[in-house]
Amino acid sequence: MEKANIDWSNIGFGYIRTDKRFVSNFKDGAWDEGCLTSDDQVVISECAGVLQYAQTCFEGLKAYTTEDGHIVCFRPDLNADRMIDSCKRLEMPVFPKERFIKAVEDVVAANEAFVPPYGSGATLYIRPYMFGSSPVIGVKPAAEYQFRMFCTPVGPYFKGGIKPLTIRVSDFDRAAPHGTGHIKAGLNYAMSLYAIQDAHEKGFDENMYLDAATRTKVEETGGANFLFVTKDGTVVTPKSDSILPSITRRSLMYVAKEILGLKTEERPVYFDEVKDMAECGLCGTAAVISPVGKIVDHGNEICLPAGMTDMGPVTKKLYDTLTGIQMGRLEAPEGWIKVIK
């Protein structure tokens, strides 16, 4: 298929309208068959549950053109599982896992012209989401819902190469104990907007959120999990019931242990330990791993030994290995790659 007329090497990380998206509606206790549509407009009641009480959740995953020319997706089954968890926590109907994966296949295939070519540095970002669509004025779950999935080609998260970030320890809390930090609810991200804008205005790239209960343990940023490397080469990621379980982080920890033979630990990480770490990164779908060079705690600077110039050596191995798997340059563990075409 002929590709869309896009300058693939120079697109940013933003929205570009594509040809088709998937839509399914939940009414009278059941999901309809759903369909692909060219209509990108959402029409709902002014009193819809999503507008009144933020009853919505979403996912994010990517499709890639591999080195041998196939179009593939990375672990969509895990996105389906995580969305199921989000729906249950928000009293929303579960969209069946097998239908979620089929929708991914259909949306990517229908928008083949927008899947960036191999080597361009761009990918196809896929956004599944669900929201309460029926009117709700009392505080309760909506009766009707809409599940949608669209896609958009995106460029690399960092234009001009990956540079280590400077982040700050935030005075704001990302998630309450026993709250919704462990699911991908839209309301979590709404609450982070003020904090990230404030960080940017003060010259920082991101926030480091500590646990709300004791403010002694590292949790995550507004949209990514932390990954640390100790001075003895152990790969460590924070463990907490209020951290979103990143699929990228889970994959990186597997790569570290099973492919690179590194020691790994998933455990509470106390902020007092951070000054003794050799490397730090933020991991997520958008950039895979974003290296952190400096962490500022109310004027006190923690400069990671890896520095502000390049990725640390262990972080670089993890990044190269996972992106190699995603792009088909390296053999993938069983079940990680869903071939679309």
C-alpha atoms as a PDB file:
ATOM      1  CA  MET A   1       0.000   0.000   0.000  1.00  0.00           C
ATOM      2  CA  GLU A   2       1.205   3.496  -0.820  1.00  0.00           C
ATOM      3  CA  LYS A   3       2.144   5.460   2.285  1.00  0.00           C
ATOM      4  CA  ALA A   4       0.496   8.736   3.270  1.00  0.00           C
ATOM      5  CA  ASN A   5       2.245  11.883   2.097  1.00  0.00           C
ATOM      6  CA  ILE A   6       4.006  12.628   5.373  1.00  0.00           C
ATOM      7  CA  ASP A   7       7.561  13.759   6.094  1.00  0.00           C
ATOM      8  CA  TRP A   8       8.137  10.801   8.409  1.00  0.00           C
ATOM      9  CA  SER A   9      11.519  11.966   9.686  1.00  0.00           C
ATOM     10  CA  ASN A  10      10.211  15.316  10.862  1.00  0.00           C
ATOM     11  CA  ILE A  11       6.850  14.668  12.506  1.00  0.00           C
ATOM     12  CA  GLY A  12       6.498  15.438  16.198  1.00  0.00           C
ATOM     13  CA  PHE A  13       4.790  13.570  19.022  1.00  0.00           C
ATOM     14  CA  GLY A  14       1.302  14.859  18.308  1.00  0.00           C
ATOM     15  CA  TYR A  15      -2.039  14.011  16.713  1.00  0.00           C
ATOM     16  CA  ILE A  16      -2.435  13.447  12.970  1.00  0.00           C
ATOM     17  CA  ARG A  17      -5.868  12.315  11.812  1.00  0.00           C
ATOM     18  CA  THR A  18      -5.888   8.903  10.124  1.00  0.00           C
ATOM     19  CA  ASP A  19      -8.512   7.147   7.981  1.00  0.00           C
ATOM     20  CA  LYS A  20     -10.279   4.769  10.352  1.00  0.00           C
ATOM     21  CA  ARG A  21     -11.020   4.222  14.029  1.00  0.00           C
ATOM     22  CA  PHE A  22     -12.986   1.558  15.933  1.00  0.00           C
ATOM     23  CA  VAL A  23     -16.146   2.334  17.927  1.00  0.00           C
ATOM     24  CA  SER A  24     -18.322   0.080  20.096  1.00  0.00           C
ATOM     25  CA  ASN A  25     -21.182   1.059  22.412  1.00  0.00           C
ATOM     26  CA  PHE A  26     -22.362  -0.548  25.655  1.00  0.00           C
ATOM     27  CA  LYS A  27     -26.115  -0.345  26.216  1.00  0.00           C
ATOM     28  CA  ASP A  28     -28.686  -2.475  28.074  1.00  0.00           C
ATOM     29  CA  GLY A  29     -25.918  -4.513  29.658  1.00  0.00           C
ATOM     30  CA  ALA A  30     -24.048  -5.568  26.519  1.00  0.00           C
ATOM     31  CA  TRP A  31     -21.510  -4.357  23.960  1.00  0.00           C
ATOM     32  CA  ASP A  32     -22.633  -4.064  20.351  1.00  0.00           C
ATOM     33  CA  GLU A  33     -20.558  -5.562  17.540  1.00  0.00           C
ATOM     34  CA  GLY A  34     -18.689  -2.325  16.946  1.00  0.00           C
ATOM     35  CA  CYS A  35     -17.281  -1.144  13.631  1.00  0.00           C
ATOM     36  CA  LEU A  36     -14.570   0.794  11.899  1.00  0.00           C
ATOM     37  CA  THR A  37     -15.617   4.305  10.946  1.00  0.00           C
ATOM     38  CA  SER A  38     -14.130   7.317   9.220  1.00  0.00           C
ATOM     39  CA  ASP A  39     -16.046   9.664  11.563  1.00  0.00           C
ATOM     40  CA  ASP A  40     -13.623  11.107  14.128  1.00  0.00           C
ATOM     41  CA  GLN A  41     -16.253  13.119  16.023  1.00  0.00           C
ATOM     42  CA  VAL A  42     -17.645  12.041  19.413  1.00  0.00           C
ATOM     43  CA  VAL A  43     -21.230  13.130  20.138  1.00  0.00           C
ATOM     44  CA  ILE A  44     -22.523  12.685  23.705  1.00  0.00           C
ATOM     45  CA  SER A  45     -24.961  14.229  26.139  1.00  0.00           C
ATOM     46  CA  GLU A  46     -23.958  17.417  27.927  1.00  0.00           C
ATOM     47  CA  CYS A  47     -24.595  15.451  31.116  1.00  0.00           C
ATOM     48  CA  ALA A  48     -22.499  12.408  30.136  1.00  0.00           C
ATOM     49  CA  GLY A  49     -20.752  10.601  32.982  1.00  0.00           C
ATOM     50  CA  VAL A  50     -17.343  11.333  31.546  1.00  0.00           C
ATOM     51  CA  LEU A  51     -18.040  15.090  31.583  1.00  0.00           C
ATOM     52  CA  GLN A  52     -19.546  15.199  35.048  1.00  0.00           C
ATOM     53  CA  TYR A  53     -17.423  12.750  37.041  1.00  0.00           C
ATOM     54  CA  ALA A  54     -14.430  11.892  34.826  1.00  0.00           C
ATOM     55  CA  GLN A  55     -15.484   8.274  34.368  1.00  0.00           C
ATOM     56  CA  THR A  56     -12.900   7.347  31.743  1.00  0.00           C
ATOM     57  CA  CYS A  57      -9.758   5.294  31.246  1.00  0.00           C
ATOM     58  CA  PHE A  58      -7.348   4.767  28.377  1.00  0.00           C
ATOM     59  CA  GLU A  59      -4.368   2.823  27.060  1.00  0.00           C
ATOM     60  CA  GLY A  60      -1.396   3.516  24.796  1.00  0.00           C
ATOM     61  CA  LEU A  61       0.581   1.166  22.573  1.00  0.00           C
ATOM     62  CA  LYS A  62       2.470   1.263  19.286  1.00  0.00           C
ATOM     63  CA  ALA A  63       2.697  -0.451  15.916  1.00  0.00           C
ATOM     64  CA  TYR A  64       6.021  -0.651  14.105  1.00  0.00           C
ATOM     65  CA  THR A  65       7.414  -1.504  10.699  1.00  0.00           C
ATOM     66  CA  THR A  66      10.112  -4.079  11.346  1.00  0.00           C
ATOM     67  CA  GLU A  67      13.418  -4.448   9.547  1.00  0.00           C
ATOM     68  CA  ASP A  68      11.987  -7.209   7.331  1.00  0.00           C
ATOM     69  CA  GLY A  69       8.938  -5.132   6.357  1.00  0.00           C
ATOM     70  CA  HIS A  70       6.252  -6.581   8.633  1.00  0.00           C
ATOM     71  CA  ILE A  71       3.826  -4.401  10.591  1.00  0.00           C
ATOM     72  CA  VAL A  72       3.667  -5.514  14.223  1.00  0.00           C
ATOM     73  CA  CYS A  73       2.362  -4.471  17.642  1.00  0.00           C
ATOM     74  CA  PHE A  74       4.150  -4.908  20.961  1.00  0.00           C
ATOM     75  CA  ARG A  75       2.345  -6.952  23.643  1.00  0.00           C
ATOM     76  CA  PRO A  76      -1.248  -5.708  23.059  1.00  0.00           C
ATOM     77  CA  ASP A  77      -2.552  -8.474  25.326  1.00  0.00           C
ATOM     78  CA  LEU A  78      -1.021  -6.692  28.322  1.00  0.00           C
ATOM     79  CA  ASN A  79      -2.712  -3.423  27.375  1.00  0.00           C
ATOM     80  CA  ALA A  80      -6.018  -5.311  27.227  1.00  0.00           C
ATOM     81  CA  ASP A  81      -5.395  -6.777  30.677  1.00  0.00           C
ATOM     82  CA  ARG A  82      -4.508  -3.397  32.157  1.00  0.00           C
ATOM     83  CA  MET A  83      -7.587  -1.761  30.684  1.00  0.00           C
ATOM     84  CA  ILE A  84      -9.718  -4.507  32.216  1.00  0.00           C
ATOM     85  CA  ASP A  85      -8.226  -3.649  35.620  1.00  0.00           C
ATOM     86  CA  SER A  86      -8.917   0.052  35.043  1.00  0.00           C
ATOM     87  CA  CYS A  87     -12.535  -0.605  34.079  1.00  0.00           C
ATOM     88  CA  LYS A  88     -13.199  -2.762  37.123  1.00  0.00           C
ATOM     89  CA  ARG A  89     -11.804  -0.096  39.465  1.00  0.00           C
ATOM     90  CA  LEU A  90     -13.909   2.647  37.843  1.00  0.00           C
ATOM     91  CA  GLU A  91     -17.151   0.590  37.758  1.00  0.00           C
ATOM     92  CA  MET A  92     -17.101   0.462  33.964  1.00  0.00           C
ATOM     93  CA  PRO A  93     -18.010  -2.570  31.838  1.00  0.00           C
ATOM     94  CA  VAL A  94     -15.032  -4.641  30.718  1.00  0.00           C
ATOM     95  CA  PHE A  95     -14.325  -4.673  27.004  1.00  0.00           C
ATOM     96  CA  PRO A  96     -13.400  -8.314  26.248  1.00  0.00           C
ATOM     97  CA  LYS A  97      -9.695  -9.018  25.825  1.00  0.00           C
ATOM     98  CA  GLU A  98     -10.022 -10.889  22.539  1.00  0.00           C
ATOM     99  CA  ARG A  99     -12.115  -8.063  21.076  1.00  0.00           C
ATOM    100  CA  PHE A 100      -9.579  -5.478  22.257  1.00  0.00           C
ATOM    101  CA  ILE A 101      -6.761  -7.312  20.459  1.00  0.00           C
ATOM    102  CA  LYS A 102      -8.902  -7.764  17.328  1.00  0.00           C
ATOM    103  CA  ALA A 103      -9.676  -4.025  17.343  1.00  0.00           C
ATOM    104  CA  VAL A 104      -5.935  -3.278  17.485  1.00  0.00           C
ATOM    105  CA  GLU A 105      -5.385  -5.519  14.469  1.00  0.00           C
ATOM    106  CA  ASP A 106      -8.261  -3.971  12.528  1.00  0.00           C
ATOM    107  CA  VAL A 107      -7.357  -0.353  13.281  1.00  0.00           C
ATOM    108  CA  VAL A 108      -3.699  -0.817  12.354  1.00  0.00           C
ATOM    109  CA  ALA A 109      -4.542  -2.741   9.174  1.00  0.00           C
ATOM    110  CA  ALA A 110      -7.123  -0.118   8.135  1.00  0.00           C
ATOM    111  CA  ASN A 111      -4.525   2.625   8.592  1.00  0.00           C
ATOM    112  CA  GLU A 112      -1.586   0.840   6.971  1.00  0.00           C
ATOM    113  CA  ALA A 113      -0.791   3.951   4.929  1.00  0.00           C
ATOM    114  CA  PHE A 114      -0.026   5.778   8.175  1.00  0.00           C
ATOM    115  CA  VAL A 115       2.370   3.197   9.652  1.00  0.00           C
ATOM    116  CA  PRO A 116       5.778   4.902   9.364  1.00  0.00           C
ATOM    117  CA  PRO A 117       8.472   3.098   7.365  1.00  0.00           C
ATOM    118  CA  TYR A 118      11.337   1.287   9.091  1.00  0.00           C
ATOM    119  CA  GLY A 119      14.261   3.526   9.924  1.00  0.00           C
ATOM    120  CA  SER A 120      12.261   6.763   9.947  1.00  0.00           C
ATOM    121  CA  GLY A 121      12.317   7.057  13.732  1.00  0.00           C
ATOM    122  CA  ALA A 122       8.513   7.306  13.707  1.00  0.00           C
ATOM    123  CA  THR A 123       5.873   4.805  14.852  1.00  0.00           C
ATOM    124  CA  LEU A 124       2.091   4.427  14.865  1.00  0.00           C
ATOM    125  CA  TYR A 125       0.672   5.279  18.284  1.00  0.00           C
ATOM    126  CA  ILE A 126      -2.602   3.518  19.168  1.00  0.00           C
ATOM    127  CA  ARG A 127      -4.978   5.023  21.729  1.00  0.00           C
ATOM    128  CA  PRO A 128      -7.818   2.818  23.076  1.00  0.00           C
ATOM    129  CA  TYR A 129     -10.162   4.543  25.533  1.00  0.00           C
ATOM    130  CA  MET A 130     -13.550   4.187  27.183  1.00  0.00           C
ATOM    131  CA  PHE A 131     -15.916   6.667  28.786  1.00  0.00           C
ATOM    132  CA  GLY A 132     -19.332   6.967  30.389  1.00  0.00           C
ATOM    133  CA  SER A 133     -21.619   8.315  27.649  1.00  0.00           C
ATOM    134  CA  SER A 134     -25.124   8.393  29.204  1.00  0.00           C
ATOM    135  CA  PRO A 135     -26.430  11.275  31.351  1.00  0.00           C
ATOM    136  CA  VAL A 136     -25.476  11.172  35.050  1.00  0.00           C
ATOM    137  CA  ILE A 137     -26.384  13.908  37.505  1.00  0.00           C
ATOM    138  CA  GLY A 138     -26.221  11.996  40.788  1.00  0.00           C
ATOM    139  CA  VAL A 139     -22.824  10.618  41.760  1.00  0.00           C
ATOM    140  CA  LYS A 140     -22.973   7.090  40.363  1.00  0.00           C
ATOM    141  CA  PRO A 141     -21.642   5.093  37.385  1.00  0.00           C
ATOM    142  CA  ALA A 142     -23.080   5.802  33.965  1.00  0.00           C
ATOM    143  CA  ALA A 143     -25.462   3.250  32.400  1.00  0.00           C
ATOM    144  CA  GLU A 144     -24.003   3.453  28.903  1.00  0.00           C
ATOM    145  CA  TYR A 145     -20.399   3.558  27.632  1.00  0.00           C
ATOM    146  CA  GLN A 146     -18.418   3.972  24.468  1.00  0.00           C
ATOM    147  CA  PHE A 147     -15.138   2.193  23.661  1.00  0.00           C
ATOM    148  CA  ARG A 148     -13.059   3.805  20.953  1.00  0.00           C
ATOM    149  CA  MET A 149      -9.655   3.212  19.425  1.00  0.00           C
ATOM    150  CA  PHE A 150      -7.820   5.556  17.081  1.00  0.00           C
ATOM    151  CA  CYS A 151      -4.231   5.760  15.900  1.00  0.00           C
ATOM    152  CA  THR A 152      -1.835   8.484  14.839  1.00  0.00           C
ATOM    153  CA  PRO A 153       1.703   8.457  13.471  1.00  0.00           C
ATOM    154  CA  VAL A 154       4.172  10.031  15.887  1.00  0.00           C
ATOM    155  CA  GLY A 155       7.801  10.982  15.722  1.00  0.00           C
ATOM    156  CA  PRO A 156      10.410  10.215  18.368  1.00  0.00           C
ATOM    157  CA  TYR A 157       9.543  11.582  21.795  1.00  0.00           C
ATOM    158  CA  PHE A 158      12.840  13.479  21.865  1.00  0.00           C
ATOM    159  CA  LYS A 159      13.726  15.424  18.728  1.00  0.00           C
ATOM    160  CA  GLY A 160      17.438  15.601  18.016  1.00  0.00           C
ATOM    161  CA  GLY A 161      18.366  12.576  20.064  1.00  0.00           C
ATOM    162  CA  ILE A 162      17.933  11.396  23.616  1.00  0.00           C
ATOM    163  CA  LYS A 163      19.400  13.738  26.221  1.00  0.00           C
ATOM    164  CA  PRO A 164      19.414  13.113  29.987  1.00  0.00           C
ATOM    165  CA  LEU A 165      16.632  14.919  31.819  1.00  0.00           C
ATOM    166  CA  THR A 166      16.652  17.157  34.867  1.00  0.00           C
ATOM    167  CA  ILE A 167      13.765  16.385  37.215  1.00  0.00           C
ATOM    168  CA  ARG A 168      12.628  17.701  40.560  1.00  0.00           C
ATOM    169  CA  VAL A 169      11.143  16.144  43.665  1.00  0.00           C
ATOM    170  CA  SER A 170       7.557  17.376  43.621  1.00  0.00           C
ATOM    171  CA  ASP A 171       5.664  18.868  46.543  1.00  0.00           C
ATOM    172  CA  PHE A 172       2.462  17.523  44.967  1.00  0.00           C
ATOM    173  CA  ASP A 173       1.122  13.995  45.399  1.00  0.00           C
ATOM    174  CA  ARG A 174       0.414  11.883  42.325  1.00  0.00           C
ATOM    175  CA  ALA A 175      -1.810   9.246  43.957  1.00  0.00           C
ATOM    176  CA  ALA A 176      -3.342   8.539  47.344  1.00  0.00           C
ATOM    177  CA  PRO A 177      -2.749   5.272  49.202  1.00  0.00           C
ATOM    178  CA  HIS A 178      -5.514   2.834  48.178  1.00  0.00           C
ATOM    179  CA  GLY A 179      -6.526   5.288  45.432  1.00  0.00           C
ATOM    180  CA  THR A 180      -6.363   4.982  41.638  1.00  0.00           C
ATOM    181  CA  GLY A 181      -2.631   5.308  41.011  1.00  0.00           C
ATOM    182  CA  HIS A 182      -2.385   1.710  39.841  1.00  0.00           C
ATOM    183  CA  ILE A 183      -4.838   2.142  36.939  1.00  0.00           C
ATOM    184  CA  LYS A 184      -4.749   4.261  33.795  1.00  0.00           C
ATOM    185  CA  ALA A 185      -7.586   6.600  34.691  1.00  0.00           C
ATOM    186  CA  GLY A 186      -7.888   9.927  32.928  1.00  0.00           C
ATOM    187  CA  LEU A 187      -8.374  11.695  36.260  1.00  0.00           C
ATOM    188  CA  ASN A 188      -4.832  10.713  37.348  1.00  0.00           C
ATOM    189  CA  TYR A 189      -3.369  12.612  34.422  1.00  0.00           C
ATOM    190  CA  ALA A 190      -5.648  15.614  34.899  1.00  0.00           C
ATOM    191  CA  MET A 191      -4.314  15.991  38.430  1.00  0.00           C
ATOM    192  CA  SER A 192      -0.712  15.946  37.159  1.00  0.00           C
ATOM    193  CA  LEU A 193      -1.138  18.797  34.668  1.00  0.00           C
ATOM    194  CA  TYR A 194      -0.640  21.646  37.114  1.00  0.00           C
ATOM    195  CA  ALA A 195       2.445  20.004  38.586  1.00  0.00           C
ATOM    196  CA  ILE A 196       4.099  19.338  35.212  1.00  0.00           C
ATOM    197  CA  GLN A 197       3.380  22.847  33.941  1.00  0.00           C
ATOM    198  CA  ASP A 198       4.847  24.252  37.149  1.00  0.00           C
ATOM    199  CA  ALA A 199       7.924  22.051  36.734  1.00  0.00           C
ATOM    200  CA  HIS A 200       8.428  23.206  33.143  1.00  0.00           C
ATOM    201  CA  GLU A 201       8.093  26.861  34.130  1.00  0.00           C
ATOM    202  CA  LYS A 202      10.842  26.350  36.696  1.00  0.00           C
ATOM    203  CA  GLY A 203      13.167  24.683  34.192  1.00  0.00           C
ATOM    204  CA  PHE A 204      12.612  20.993  34.985  1.00  0.00           C
ATOM    205  CA  ASP A 205      11.670  18.274  32.520  1.00  0.00           C
ATOM    206  CA  GLU A 206       9.572  16.178  34.899  1.00  0.00           C
ATOM    207  CA  ASN A 207       8.461  15.574  38.481  1.00  0.00           C
ATOM    208  CA  MET A 208       9.537  12.797  40.798  1.00  0.00           C
ATOM    209  CA  TYR A 209       6.559  11.899  42.980  1.00  0.00           C
ATOM    210  CA  LEU A 210       7.144  10.355  46.392  1.00  0.00           C
ATOM    211  CA  ASP A 211       4.615   8.183  48.202  1.00  0.00           C
ATOM    212  CA  ALA A 212       1.806  10.288  49.635  1.00  0.00           C
ATOM    213  CA  ALA A 213       1.705   8.480  52.979  1.00  0.00           C
ATOM    214  CA  THR A 214       5.297   8.965  54.164  1.00  0.00           C
ATOM    215  CA  ARG A 215       7.010  10.964  51.385  1.00  0.00           C
ATOM    216  CA  THR A 216      10.080   8.771  51.817  1.00  0.00           C
ATOM    217  CA  LYS A 217       9.747   6.371  48.847  1.00  0.00           C
ATOM    218  CA  VAL A 218      10.076   6.963  45.105  1.00  0.00           C
ATOM    219  CA  GLU A 219       6.921   6.233  43.122  1.00  0.00           C
ATOM    220  CA  GLU A 220       6.849   7.535  39.521  1.00  0.00           C
ATOM    221  CA  THR A 221       6.477  10.638  37.365  1.00  0.00           C
ATOM    222  CA  GLY A 222       3.215  11.901  35.902  1.00  0.00           C
ATOM    223  CA  GLY A 223       3.445   9.479  32.996  1.00  0.00           C
ATOM    224  CA  ALA A 224       6.359   7.061  33.433  1.00  0.00           C
ATOM    225  CA  ASN A 225       7.850   4.536  35.836  1.00  0.00           C
ATOM    226  CA  PHE A 226      11.330   4.863  37.329  1.00  0.00           C
ATOM    227  CA  LEU A 227      14.151   2.450  36.687  1.00  0.00           C
ATOM    228  CA  PHE A 228      17.454   2.674  38.577  1.00  0.00           C
ATOM    229  CA  VAL A 229      20.822   0.983  38.188  1.00  0.00           C
ATOM    230  CA  THR A 230      22.939   0.558  41.327  1.00  0.00           C
ATOM    231  CA  LYS A 231      26.709   0.950  41.310  1.00  0.00           C
ATOM    232  CA  ASP A 232      27.075  -2.845  41.303  1.00  0.00           C
ATOM    233  CA  GLY A 233      24.921  -3.097  38.140  1.00  0.00           C
ATOM    234  CA  THR A 234      21.634  -4.232  39.681  1.00  0.00           C
ATOM    235  CA  VAL A 235      18.533  -2.975  37.866  1.00  0.00           C
ATOM    236  CA  VAL A 236      15.979  -1.760  40.412  1.00  0.00           C
ATOM    237  CA  THR A 237      12.426  -0.532  39.950  1.00  0.00           C
ATOM    238  CA  PRO A 238      10.136   0.818  42.698  1.00  0.00           C
ATOM    239  CA  LYS A 239       7.318  -1.378  43.991  1.00  0.00           C
ATOM    240  CA  SER A 240       4.100   0.154  45.289  1.00  0.00           C
ATOM    241  CA  ASP A 241       0.360  -0.459  45.084  1.00  0.00           C
ATOM    242  CA  SER A 242      -0.127   3.095  43.792  1.00  0.00           C
ATOM    243  CA  ILE A 243       2.287   2.861  40.819  1.00  0.00           C
ATOM    244  CA  LEU A 244       0.855   2.220  37.344  1.00  0.00           C
ATOM    245  CA  PRO A 245       2.238  -1.152  36.162  1.00  0.00           C
ATOM    246  CA  SER A 246       4.083  -0.065  33.030  1.00  0.00           C
ATOM    247  CA  ILE A 247       4.253  -2.660  30.254  1.00  0.00           C
ATOM    248  CA  THR A 248       7.538  -1.131  29.094  1.00  0.00           C
ATOM    249  CA  ARG A 249       8.995  -1.408  32.596  1.00  0.00           C
ATOM    250  CA  ARG A 250       7.858  -5.014  32.891  1.00  0.00           C
ATOM    251  CA  SER A 251       9.472  -5.791  29.538  1.00  0.00           C
ATOM    252  CA  LEU A 252      12.706  -4.011  30.431  1.00  0.00           C
ATOM    253  CA  MET A 253      13.021  -5.930  33.684  1.00  0.00           C
ATOM    254  CA  TYR A 254      12.604  -9.196  31.766  1.00  0.00           C
ATOM    255  CA  VAL A 255      15.227  -8.073  29.245  1.00  0.00           C
ATOM    256  CA  ALA A 256      17.604  -7.163  32.062  1.00  0.00           C
ATOM    257  CA  LYS A 257      17.304 -10.508  33.839  1.00  0.00           C
ATOM    258  CA  GLU A 258      16.590 -13.067  31.141  1.00  0.00           C
ATOM    259  CA  ILE A 259      18.428 -11.645  28.127  1.00  0.00           C
ATOM    260  CA  LEU A 260      21.249  -9.514  29.533  1.00  0.00           C
ATOM    261  CA  GLY A 261      21.808 -11.652  32.637  1.00  0.00           C
ATOM    262  CA  LEU A 262      21.654  -8.737  35.066  1.00  0.00           C
ATOM    263  CA  LYS A 263      20.494  -8.875  38.645  1.00  0.00           C
ATOM    264  CA  THR A 264      17.059  -7.265  39.068  1.00  0.00           C
ATOM    265  CA  GLU A 265      14.968  -6.132  42.013  1.00  0.00           C
ATOM    266  CA  GLU A 266      11.410  -4.831  42.254  1.00  0.00           C
ATOM    267  CA  ARG A 267      11.120  -3.354  45.746  1.00  0.00           C
ATOM    268  CA  PRO A 268      10.383  -0.148  47.635  1.00  0.00           C
ATOM    269  CA  VAL A 269      13.046   2.417  46.752  1.00  0.00           C
ATOM    270  CA  TYR A 270      13.663   4.995  49.455  1.00  0.00           C
ATOM    271  CA  PHE A 271      14.553   8.479  48.296  1.00  0.00           C
ATOM    272  CA  ASP A 272      17.616   8.408  50.559  1.00  0.00           C
ATOM    273  CA  GLU A 273      19.014   5.686  48.258  1.00  0.00           C
ATOM    274  CA  VAL A 274      18.796   7.764  45.082  1.00  0.00           C
ATOM    275  CA  LYS A 275      22.039   9.665  45.717  1.00  0.00           C
ATOM    276  CA  ASP A 276      23.913   6.353  45.625  1.00  0.00           C
ATOM    277  CA  MET A 277      22.483   5.152  42.280  1.00  0.00           C
ATOM    278  CA  ALA A 278      24.674   4.988  39.176  1.00  0.00           C
ATOM    279  CA  GLU A 279      21.901   5.466  36.581  1.00  0.00           C
ATOM    280  CA  CYS A 280      18.276   6.506  36.467  1.00  0.00           C
ATOM    281  CA  GLY A 281      15.693   6.383  33.707  1.00  0.00           C
ATOM    282  CA  LEU A 282      12.003   6.987  33.075  1.00  0.00           C
ATOM    283  CA  CYS A 283      10.331   4.171  31.154  1.00  0.00           C
ATOM    284  CA  GLY A 284       7.108   4.161  29.169  1.00  0.00           C
ATOM    285  CA  THR A 285       5.555   3.598  25.758  1.00  0.00           C
ATOM    286  CA  ALA A 286       6.448   6.995  24.293  1.00  0.00           C
ATOM    287  CA  ALA A 287      10.243   6.968  24.625  1.00  0.00           C
ATOM    288  CA  VAL A 288      10.999   3.450  25.987  1.00  0.00           C
ATOM    289  CA  ILE A 289      13.670   4.836  28.346  1.00  0.00           C
ATOM    290  CA  SER A 290      14.440   8.491  29.004  1.00  0.00           C
ATOM    291  CA  PRO A 291      17.718   8.873  30.921  1.00  0.00           C
ATOM    292  CA  VAL A 292      17.810  11.138  33.974  1.00  0.00           C
ATOM    293  CA  GLY A 293      20.997  13.074  34.632  1.00  0.00           C
ATOM    294  CA  LYS A 294      20.030  15.237  37.587  1.00  0.00           C
ATOM    295  CA  ILE A 295      17.432  15.153  40.367  1.00  0.00           C
ATOM    296  CA  VAL A 296      16.808  18.331  42.354  1.00  0.00           C
ATOM    297  CA  ASP A 297      15.331  18.122  45.839  1.00  0.00           C
ATOM    298  CA  HIS A 298      14.433  21.661  46.879  1.00  0.00           C
ATOM    299  CA  GLY A 299      17.781  23.073  45.781  1.00  0.00           C
ATOM    300  CA  ASN A 300      19.840  20.017  46.678  1.00  0.00           C
ATOM    301  CA  GLU A 301      21.183  18.531  43.434  1.00  0.00           C
ATOM    302  CA  ILE A 302      21.760  14.816  42.956  1.00  0.00           C
ATOM    303  CA  CYS A 303      23.925  14.355  39.861  1.00  0.00           C
ATOM    304  CA  LEU A 304      23.900  10.808  38.545  1.00  0.00           C
ATOM    305  CA  PRO A 305      27.348   9.412  37.650  1.00  0.00           C
ATOM    306  CA  ALA A 306      26.036   8.628  34.149  1.00  0.00           C
ATOM    307  CA  GLY A 307      25.991  12.408  33.595  1.00  0.00           C
ATOM    308  CA  MET A 308      24.030  14.862  31.472  1.00  0.00           C
ATOM    309  CA  THR A 309      25.497  13.895  28.081  1.00  0.00           C
ATOM    310  CA  ASP A 310      24.499  10.334  27.235  1.00  0.00           C
ATOM    311  CA  MET A 311      22.554   7.337  28.502  1.00  0.00           C
ATOM    312  CA  GLY A 312      24.342   5.293  31.126  1.00  0.00           C
ATOM    313  CA  PRO A 313      25.855   2.022  29.836  1.00  0.00           C
ATOM    314  CA  VAL A 314      23.274  -0.304  31.397  1.00  0.00           C
ATOM    315  CA  THR A 315      20.356   1.918  30.412  1.00  0.00           C
ATOM    316  CA  LYS A 316      21.714   2.007  26.846  1.00  0.00           C
ATOM    317  CA  LYS A 317      21.912  -1.801  26.685  1.00  0.00           C
ATOM    318  CA  LEU A 318      18.324  -2.064  27.907  1.00  0.00           C
ATOM    319  CA  TYR A 319      17.127   0.534  25.399  1.00  0.00           C
ATOM    320  CA  ASP A 320      18.970  -1.005  22.462  1.00  0.00           C
ATOM    321  CA  THR A 321      17.764  -4.512  23.301  1.00  0.00           C
ATOM    322  CA  LEU A 322      14.090  -3.650  23.742  1.00  0.00           C
ATOM    323  CA  THR A 323      13.926  -1.402  20.675  1.00  0.00           C
ATOM    324  CA  GLY A 324      15.767  -4.103  18.743  1.00  0.00           C
ATOM    325  CA  ILE A 325      13.042  -6.572  19.713  1.00  0.00           C
ATOM    326  CA  GLN A 326      10.274  -4.125  18.807  1.00  0.00           C
ATOM    327  CA  MET A 327      11.799  -3.345  15.415  1.00  0.00           C
ATOM    328  CA  GLY A 328      12.546  -6.951  14.537  1.00  0.00           C
ATOM    329  CA  ARG A 329      16.328  -6.683  14.704  1.00  0.00           C
ATOM    330  CA  LEU A 330      16.476  -9.086  17.643  1.00  0.00           C
ATOM    331  CA  GLU A 331      14.501 -12.232  18.389  1.00  0.00           C
ATOM    332  CA  ALA A 332      11.515 -11.555  20.628  1.00  0.00           C
ATOM    333  CA  PRO A 333      10.422 -13.652  23.594  1.00  0.00           C
ATOM    334  CA  GLU A 334       7.412 -15.795  22.760  1.00  0.00           C
ATOM    335  CA  GLY A 335       4.151 -13.859  22.618  1.00  0.00           C
ATOM    336  CA  TRP A 336       5.684 -10.376  22.659  1.00  0.00           C
ATOM    337  CA  ILE A 337       5.120  -9.477  19.010  1.00  0.00           C
ATOM    338  CA  LYS A 338       1.700  -9.453  17.339  1.00  0.00           C
ATOM    339  CA  VAL A 339       2.142  -9.537  13.571  1.00  0.00           C
ATOM    340  CA  ILE A 340      -0.524  -7.466  11.815  1.00  0.00           C
ATOM    341  CA  LYS A 341       0.792  -7.893   8.272  1.00  0.00           C
END
